[in-house]
């Protein structure tokens, strides 16, 4: 019987060495399970620190999550730190490739900054609860009227509580080797609050992480923090132009930081 227990222990390193699909599923399972365990640890810490839901709890979450990249064999090469040295509220926008983006987000997350996320996330067990405690703003992507109402409330909260919000304007995960057209909610938000936008670009994960090919190797992610884009004096009539401008600077930075990604020809459509 003792020998039987040893078989899986011997098989795991063998499969890690010989099967890329096994490595993919093992790392994905470990990542989800470990994040849920970290959330379980963070919940009482956040309640003790802030008494409940508070953006200040993101400090606790950031501290607990920052080591996870090493366990997955990932590194971040960050440039443009100086652009986050901006006083007061602002909106951070970034491209969105997978759940691994959370690790990059926590790598550079400024103080008093939380996220806008899909409503379904709140039902993700301990992770959903810690997201709620961290002040994450949940939106129903299927109901445009609800999403607009949440964005209006978020703009008021940003100014009242002096917080920053991180938004993924593509609206969904995308690993097609390019950026998806941006949805306009983040730009309505920034203009309503009259706060700057700070674009952040993650380089392509395709050299180490491919979901369809079941590949998850070690790798380095280049994270570019770009100069802020001001919105003072802009109105709702300027949303489309602001969206286009933000997309174009991020798309250029994405191609520069991801040399393996082919250049796309033709105009950008939104």
Protein backbone atom coordinates (compact mmCIF):
# COMPACT_ATOMS: atom_id res chain seq x y z
CA UNK A 1 0.00 0.00 0.00
CA UNK A 2 2.84 2.39 0.83
CA UNK A 3 4.26 1.79 -2.64
CA UNK A 4 0.95 2.75 -4.27
CA UNK A 5 0.99 6.15 -2.58
CA UNK A 6 4.43 6.79 -4.06
CA UNK A 7 3.32 6.21 -7.65
CA UNK A 8 1.59 9.62 -8.09
CA UNK A 9 4.53 11.35 -6.41
CA UNK A 10 6.85 9.80 -8.98
CA UNK A 11 4.48 10.39 -11.89
CA UNK A 12 4.02 14.14 -11.29
CA UNK A 13 7.69 15.13 -11.89
CA UNK A 14 7.84 12.72 -14.84
CA UNK A 15 4.75 14.29 -16.44
CA UNK A 16 6.01 17.81 -15.65
CA UNK A 17 9.14 16.92 -17.60
CA UNK A 18 7.52 15.16 -20.57
CA UNK A 19 3.99 16.58 -21.08
CA UNK A 20 3.37 20.25 -21.85
CA UNK A 21 -0.41 19.68 -21.54
CA UNK A 22 0.06 18.28 -18.01
CA UNK A 23 2.21 21.30 -17.07
CA UNK A 24 -0.51 23.60 -18.44
CA UNK A 25 -3.32 22.03 -16.38
CA UNK A 26 -1.15 21.58 -13.29
CA UNK A 27 -0.09 25.25 -13.28
CA UNK A 28 -3.64 26.46 -13.97
CA UNK A 29 -5.06 24.32 -11.17
CA UNK A 30 -2.30 25.41 -8.79
CA UNK A 31 -2.81 29.09 -9.67
CA UNK A 32 -6.57 29.00 -9.03
CA UNK A 33 -6.26 26.91 -5.85
CA UNK A 34 -3.43 29.03 -4.44
CA UNK A 35 -5.28 32.29 -5.14
CA UNK A 36 -8.34 30.91 -3.34
CA UNK A 37 -6.16 29.97 -0.37
CA UNK A 38 -4.58 33.44 -0.33
CA UNK A 39 -8.06 34.97 -0.45
CA UNK A 40 -9.06 32.85 2.55
CA UNK A 41 -6.06 34.26 4.43
CA UNK A 42 -6.76 37.81 3.29
CA UNK A 43 -10.44 37.90 4.31
CA UNK A 44 -9.89 38.08 8.11
CA UNK A 45 -6.88 40.40 7.64
CA UNK A 46 -8.98 42.85 5.62
CA UNK A 47 -11.84 42.73 8.13
CA UNK A 48 -9.42 43.39 10.99
CA UNK A 49 -7.73 46.21 9.05
CA UNK A 50 -10.75 48.08 7.71
CA UNK A 51 -13.84 46.53 9.27
CA UNK A 52 -15.33 45.56 5.91
CA UNK A 53 -15.40 46.76 2.29
CA UNK A 54 -12.68 49.39 1.73
CA UNK A 55 -10.25 50.22 -1.10
CA UNK A 56 -7.45 50.26 1.50
CA UNK A 57 -7.81 46.47 1.65
CA UNK A 58 -6.12 46.35 -1.77
CA UNK A 59 -2.83 46.94 0.09
CA UNK A 60 -3.29 43.61 1.89
CA UNK A 61 -4.27 41.82 -1.32
CA UNK A 62 -1.32 43.32 -3.21
CA UNK A 63 1.13 42.23 -0.50
CA UNK A 64 -0.18 38.65 -0.42
CA UNK A 65 -0.32 38.15 -4.21
CA UNK A 66 3.03 39.58 -5.31
CA UNK A 67 4.98 36.33 -4.72
CA UNK A 68 2.71 34.19 -6.92
CA UNK A 69 4.57 35.11 -10.12
CA UNK A 70 7.68 33.30 -8.87
CA UNK A 71 5.72 30.09 -8.23
CA UNK A 72 4.55 30.09 -11.86
CA UNK A 73 7.98 30.94 -13.31
CA UNK A 74 6.98 34.44 -14.42
CA UNK A 75 8.87 37.74 -14.25
CA UNK A 76 7.79 41.31 -14.97
CA UNK A 77 9.93 43.89 -16.74
CA UNK A 78 8.27 47.21 -15.88
CA UNK A 79 8.98 50.53 -17.60
CA UNK A 80 7.39 53.96 -17.14
CA UNK A 81 7.00 53.87 -13.33
CA UNK A 82 7.22 57.67 -13.32
CA UNK A 83 3.84 57.95 -15.05
CA UNK A 84 2.09 56.52 -11.98
CA UNK A 85 3.49 59.33 -9.82
CA UNK A 86 0.29 61.29 -10.41
CA UNK A 87 -1.63 62.87 -7.55
CA UNK A 88 -5.35 62.33 -7.04
CA UNK A 89 -7.81 60.08 -8.90
CA UNK A 90 -7.21 58.66 -12.36
CA UNK A 91 -8.35 55.78 -14.57
CA UNK A 92 -5.87 53.06 -15.56
CA UNK A 93 -6.71 51.15 -18.73
CA UNK A 94 -4.92 47.99 -19.89
CA UNK A 95 -5.22 45.14 -22.36
CA UNK A 96 -6.61 41.86 -21.04
CA UNK A 97 -5.20 38.46 -22.10
CA UNK A 98 -5.94 36.04 -19.25
CA UNK A 99 -6.44 35.70 -15.50
CA UNK A 100 -2.63 36.04 -15.23
CA UNK A 101 -3.14 39.79 -15.79
CA UNK A 102 -4.00 39.98 -12.08
CA UNK A 103 -0.34 39.31 -11.28
CA UNK A 104 0.80 42.26 -13.40
CA UNK A 105 -1.93 44.42 -11.95
CA UNK A 106 -0.71 43.65 -8.42
CA UNK A 107 2.89 44.27 -9.50
CA UNK A 108 2.26 47.97 -10.18
CA UNK A 109 -1.06 48.67 -8.41
CA UNK A 110 -0.88 52.17 -6.89
CA UNK A 111 -2.33 52.98 -3.48
CA UNK A 112 -6.07 53.67 -3.29
CA UNK A 113 -6.67 51.86 -6.57
CA UNK A 114 -9.24 49.14 -7.24
CA UNK A 115 -10.79 47.57 -10.33
CA UNK A 116 -13.95 47.43 -12.37
CA UNK A 117 -14.82 43.77 -13.00
CA UNK A 118 -17.62 41.58 -14.34
CA UNK A 119 -20.43 40.86 -11.88
CA UNK A 120 -19.91 37.07 -12.15
CA UNK A 121 -16.60 37.38 -10.28
CA UNK A 122 -18.38 38.03 -6.99
CA UNK A 123 -19.62 34.41 -7.03
CA UNK A 124 -16.06 32.97 -7.27
CA UNK A 125 -15.91 31.69 -3.68
CA UNK A 126 -13.24 33.23 -1.46
CA UNK A 127 -11.83 35.18 -4.41
CA UNK A 128 -15.21 36.82 -5.00
CA UNK A 129 -15.48 37.81 -1.33
CA UNK A 130 -11.98 39.31 -1.21
CA UNK A 131 -12.74 41.24 -4.41
CA UNK A 132 -15.80 42.71 -2.70
CA UNK A 133 -13.77 43.57 0.42
CA UNK A 134 -11.17 45.25 -1.82
CA UNK A 135 -13.80 47.69 -3.11
CA UNK A 136 -13.93 46.25 -6.62
CA UNK A 137 -16.77 47.78 -8.65
CA UNK A 138 -18.90 45.07 -10.28
CA UNK A 139 -20.79 45.67 -13.52
CA UNK A 140 -23.34 43.63 -15.43
CA UNK A 141 -21.85 43.52 -18.94
CA UNK A 142 -25.09 42.15 -20.40
CA UNK A 143 -27.16 45.18 -19.39
CA UNK A 144 -25.80 48.38 -20.93
CA UNK A 145 -28.11 50.58 -18.83
CA UNK A 146 -26.83 48.99 -15.60
CA UNK A 147 -23.20 49.36 -16.71
CA UNK A 148 -23.70 53.07 -17.52
CA UNK A 149 -25.35 53.66 -14.14
CA UNK A 150 -22.47 51.95 -12.33
CA UNK A 151 -19.94 54.05 -14.27
CA UNK A 152 -21.76 57.27 -13.30
CA UNK A 153 -21.73 56.24 -9.64
CA UNK A 154 -18.07 55.22 -9.94
CA UNK A 155 -17.13 58.67 -11.27
CA UNK A 156 -18.75 60.31 -8.24
CA UNK A 157 -17.06 57.84 -5.86
CA UNK A 158 -13.65 58.48 -7.45
CA UNK A 159 -13.88 62.17 -6.68
CA UNK A 160 -15.53 61.84 -3.27
CA UNK A 161 -13.18 59.17 -1.92
CA UNK A 162 -10.10 60.09 -4.01
CA UNK A 163 -9.64 56.63 -5.51
CA UNK A 164 -8.20 55.29 -8.76
CA UNK A 165 -9.92 52.69 -10.95
CA UNK A 166 -8.35 50.04 -13.21
CA UNK A 167 -10.46 49.11 -16.25
CA UNK A 168 -9.98 46.55 -19.06
CA UNK A 169 -11.57 48.42 -22.00
CA UNK A 170 -11.53 45.38 -24.32
CA UNK A 171 -14.31 44.05 -22.08
CA UNK A 172 -13.17 40.42 -22.22
CA UNK A 173 -10.05 38.25 -22.26
CA UNK A 174 -8.30 38.23 -25.59
CA UNK A 175 -5.33 36.11 -26.65
CA UNK A 176 -5.64 36.54 -30.40
CA UNK A 177 -2.30 38.34 -30.67
CA UNK A 178 -3.76 41.84 -30.97
CA UNK A 179 -6.02 44.27 -29.13
CA UNK A 180 -9.80 44.07 -29.45
CA UNK A 181 -11.71 47.30 -30.16
CA UNK A 182 -12.26 49.21 -26.92
CA UNK A 183 -15.64 49.61 -25.27
CA UNK A 184 -16.32 53.20 -24.24
CA UNK A 185 -17.27 52.84 -20.57
CA UNK A 186 -13.78 53.70 -19.24
CA UNK A 187 -13.69 56.86 -21.34
CA UNK A 188 -17.14 58.01 -20.24
CA UNK A 189 -15.94 57.42 -16.68
CA UNK A 190 -12.76 59.47 -17.07
CA UNK A 191 -14.55 62.36 -18.80
CA UNK A 192 -17.41 62.43 -16.26
CA UNK A 193 -14.87 62.62 -13.43
CA UNK A 194 -12.52 64.88 -15.44
CA UNK A 195 -9.56 62.73 -14.41
CA UNK A 196 -6.61 61.57 -16.54
CA UNK A 197 -6.27 58.17 -18.17
CA UNK A 198 -3.04 56.20 -17.68
CA UNK A 199 -2.63 53.44 -20.29
CA UNK A 200 -0.80 50.25 -19.26
CA UNK A 201 0.25 47.63 -21.84
CA UNK A 202 1.05 43.96 -21.18
CA UNK A 203 3.24 42.38 -23.85
CA UNK A 204 1.88 39.30 -25.63
CA UNK A 205 1.88 36.09 -23.56
CA UNK A 206 2.16 33.94 -26.69
CA UNK A 207 5.84 33.06 -26.12
CA UNK A 208 5.03 31.19 -22.89
CA UNK A 209 1.23 30.88 -22.45
CA UNK A 210 -1.11 29.52 -25.13
CA UNK A 211 -4.51 28.37 -23.91
CA UNK A 212 -5.55 26.57 -27.11
CA UNK A 213 -2.19 24.80 -27.48
CA UNK A 214 -2.18 23.91 -23.73
CA UNK A 215 1.22 25.54 -23.20
CA UNK A 216 2.33 27.28 -19.99
CA UNK A 217 6.09 27.78 -19.73
CA UNK A 218 8.22 30.22 -17.75
CA UNK A 219 8.45 33.69 -19.26
CA UNK A 220 8.93 37.43 -18.89
CA UNK A 221 6.08 39.90 -19.32
CA UNK A 222 6.97 43.42 -20.38
CA UNK A 223 4.71 45.95 -18.69
CA UNK A 224 4.70 49.45 -20.16
CA UNK A 225 3.15 52.33 -18.22
CA UNK A 226 2.45 55.08 -20.76
CA UNK A 227 2.15 58.86 -20.24
CA UNK A 228 -1.21 60.05 -18.95
CA UNK A 229 -3.90 61.33 -21.30
CA UNK A 230 -5.71 64.37 -19.91
CA UNK A 231 -9.51 64.69 -20.05
CA UNK A 232 -9.96 68.13 -18.49
CA UNK A 233 -12.36 70.19 -20.58
CA UNK A 234 -13.59 67.20 -22.59
CA UNK A 235 -17.29 66.33 -22.86
CA UNK A 236 -19.30 63.28 -23.86
CA UNK A 237 -18.89 64.43 -27.50
CA UNK A 238 -15.16 63.64 -27.19
CA UNK A 239 -15.55 60.04 -25.97
CA UNK A 240 -14.98 58.43 -29.38
CA UNK A 241 -11.87 60.50 -30.11
CA UNK A 242 -10.47 59.77 -26.64
CA UNK A 243 -11.16 56.06 -27.15
CA UNK A 244 -9.40 56.09 -30.54
CA UNK A 245 -6.41 58.01 -29.20
CA UNK A 246 -6.00 55.63 -26.27
CA UNK A 247 -6.35 52.56 -28.49
CA UNK A 248 -3.74 53.80 -30.95
CA UNK A 249 -1.06 54.59 -28.35
CA UNK A 250 -1.65 51.25 -26.62
CA UNK A 251 -1.68 49.32 -29.89
CA UNK A 252 1.67 50.84 -30.90
CA UNK A 253 3.16 50.03 -27.49
CA UNK A 254 1.77 46.46 -27.69
CA UNK A 255 3.45 45.86 -31.07
CA UNK A 256 6.73 47.33 -29.81
CA UNK A 257 6.78 45.15 -26.69
CA UNK A 258 5.59 42.03 -28.54
CA UNK A 259 7.93 41.69 -31.56
CA UNK A 260 6.52 38.27 -32.47
CA UNK A 261 3.06 39.74 -33.06
CA UNK A 262 2.39 40.55 -36.76
CA UNK A 263 1.50 44.15 -37.58
CA UNK A 264 -2.12 44.70 -38.53
CA UNK A 265 -2.97 46.72 -41.58
CA UNK A 266 -6.04 48.85 -42.03
CA UNK A 267 -7.93 51.33 -39.88
CA UNK A 268 -9.01 50.71 -36.32
CA UNK A 269 -12.78 50.31 -35.96
CA UNK A 270 -14.81 50.80 -32.79
